[in-house]
Amino acid sequence: KMGSGRPDLGTYVIKTTAPIYLENLKKFLDEVSPGSTRIKGFVRLDTGHIMAIQSCYGDTKIESLTGYAGPTELIGIGPGIDRKTFGDRYKYFKNHL
């Protein structure tokens, strides 16, 4: 809405079966969470464990999860969230040691 004073929120969904190292997941979240409004989802680690991610305005929680067998699905919402700032950065951290 014009004149509402609220920033336009971008959204991006990461959906992949490829795992990520926990340390790289933390680095990714450290980079993107401060500028995001919300990040939420499930991430498959290289160990086979699934982590539940909850982040609200940079306050991020990562918890081990049982009973979820699906792929990584991570949703980012925020004024600067898009394929380049969220999707491509996740791919970068997923592919680097």
Protein backbone atom coordinates (compact mmCIF):
# COMPACT_ATOMS: atom_id res chain seq x y z
CA LYS A 1 0.00 0.00 0.00
CA MET A 2 1.29 3.43 -0.83
CA GLY A 3 2.05 5.58 2.15
CA SER A 4 1.80 2.75 4.66
CA GLY A 5 5.41 3.33 5.75
CA ARG A 6 6.13 -0.40 5.64
CA PRO A 7 8.93 -1.72 3.44
CA ASP A 8 8.09 -4.04 0.57
CA LEU A 9 8.80 -7.58 1.69
CA GLY A 10 10.49 -10.00 -0.65
CA THR A 11 10.13 -13.75 -0.27
CA TYR A 12 12.19 -16.66 -1.49
CA VAL A 13 11.80 -20.43 -0.98
CA ILE A 14 14.78 -22.79 -1.02
CA LYS A 15 13.80 -26.38 -1.81
CA THR A 16 16.57 -28.91 -2.30
CA THR A 17 17.48 -32.50 -1.48
CA ALA A 18 21.19 -31.59 -1.22
CA PRO A 19 22.54 -31.51 2.35
CA ILE A 20 24.58 -28.75 3.99
CA TYR A 21 27.19 -28.77 6.75
CA LEU A 22 25.93 -27.38 10.07
CA GLU A 23 28.75 -24.82 10.24
CA ASN A 24 27.87 -23.57 6.74
CA LEU A 25 24.19 -23.37 7.66
CA LYS A 26 25.12 -21.24 10.67
CA LYS A 27 27.30 -18.98 8.49
CA PHE A 28 24.44 -18.58 6.00
CA LEU A 29 21.97 -17.71 8.76
CA ASP A 30 24.45 -15.31 10.39
CA GLU A 31 24.71 -13.52 7.05
CA VAL A 32 21.04 -13.37 6.02
CA SER A 33 19.05 -13.30 9.27
CA PRO A 34 19.94 -9.74 10.41
CA GLY A 35 18.32 -8.29 7.26
CA SER A 36 15.34 -10.61 7.22
CA THR A 37 11.95 -10.32 8.85
CA ARG A 38 11.39 -14.06 9.08
CA ILE A 39 13.15 -17.30 8.12
CA LYS A 40 11.45 -20.61 8.74
CA GLY A 41 11.78 -24.19 7.59
CA PHE A 42 13.58 -27.51 7.68
CA VAL A 43 17.18 -28.13 6.60
CA ARG A 44 18.85 -31.48 5.90
CA LEU A 45 22.43 -31.69 7.17
CA ASP A 46 25.28 -33.75 5.71
CA THR A 47 24.95 -36.05 8.74
CA GLY A 48 21.36 -36.91 7.76
CA HIS A 49 19.93 -34.96 10.69
CA ILE A 50 17.11 -32.50 10.03
CA MET A 51 17.21 -29.08 11.67
CA ALA A 52 14.18 -26.88 12.27
CA ILE A 53 14.98 -23.21 11.64
CA GLN A 54 13.04 -20.33 13.21
CA SER A 55 14.27 -16.78 12.82
CA CYS A 56 12.45 -13.55 13.55
CA TYR A 57 14.25 -10.21 13.04
CA GLY A 58 17.64 -11.87 13.49
CA ASP A 59 16.74 -13.90 16.59
CA THR A 60 17.52 -17.36 15.22
CA LYS A 61 16.89 -20.79 16.70
CA ILE A 62 18.21 -24.06 15.23
CA GLU A 63 16.82 -27.26 16.72
CA SER A 64 17.22 -30.93 15.84
CA LEU A 65 14.02 -32.46 14.52
CA THR A 66 12.76 -36.03 14.27
CA GLY A 67 9.88 -37.31 12.21
CA TYR A 68 10.45 -35.15 9.11
CA ALA A 69 11.62 -37.06 6.05
CA GLY A 70 11.23 -34.41 3.36
CA PRO A 71 13.75 -32.20 1.58
CA THR A 72 15.25 -28.94 2.75
CA GLU A 73 12.55 -26.27 2.61
CA LEU A 74 13.53 -22.86 3.88
CA ILE A 75 11.47 -19.70 3.45
CA GLY A 76 12.95 -16.23 3.78
CA ILE A 77 10.84 -13.09 4.14
CA GLY A 78 12.22 -9.56 4.36
CA PRO A 79 12.86 -6.29 2.57
CA GLY A 80 16.06 -7.55 0.94
CA ILE A 81 15.13 -11.20 0.37
CA ASP A 82 15.28 -12.49 -3.21
CA ARG A 83 16.97 -15.19 -5.28
CA LYS A 84 20.31 -13.39 -5.24
CA THR A 85 20.47 -12.52 -1.54
CA PHE A 86 18.87 -15.69 -0.20
CA GLY A 87 18.83 -18.53 -2.75
CA ASP A 88 22.23 -17.91 -4.30
CA ARG A 89 23.87 -17.30 -0.92
CA TYR A 90 22.47 -20.62 0.37
CA LYS A 91 23.90 -22.39 -2.69
CA TYR A 92 27.26 -20.72 -2.04
CA PHE A 93 27.42 -21.92 1.57
CA LYS A 94 26.04 -25.37 0.67
CA ASN A 95 28.83 -25.90 -1.86
CA HIS A 96 31.78 -24.62 0.19
CA LEU A 97 33.65 -26.24 3.05
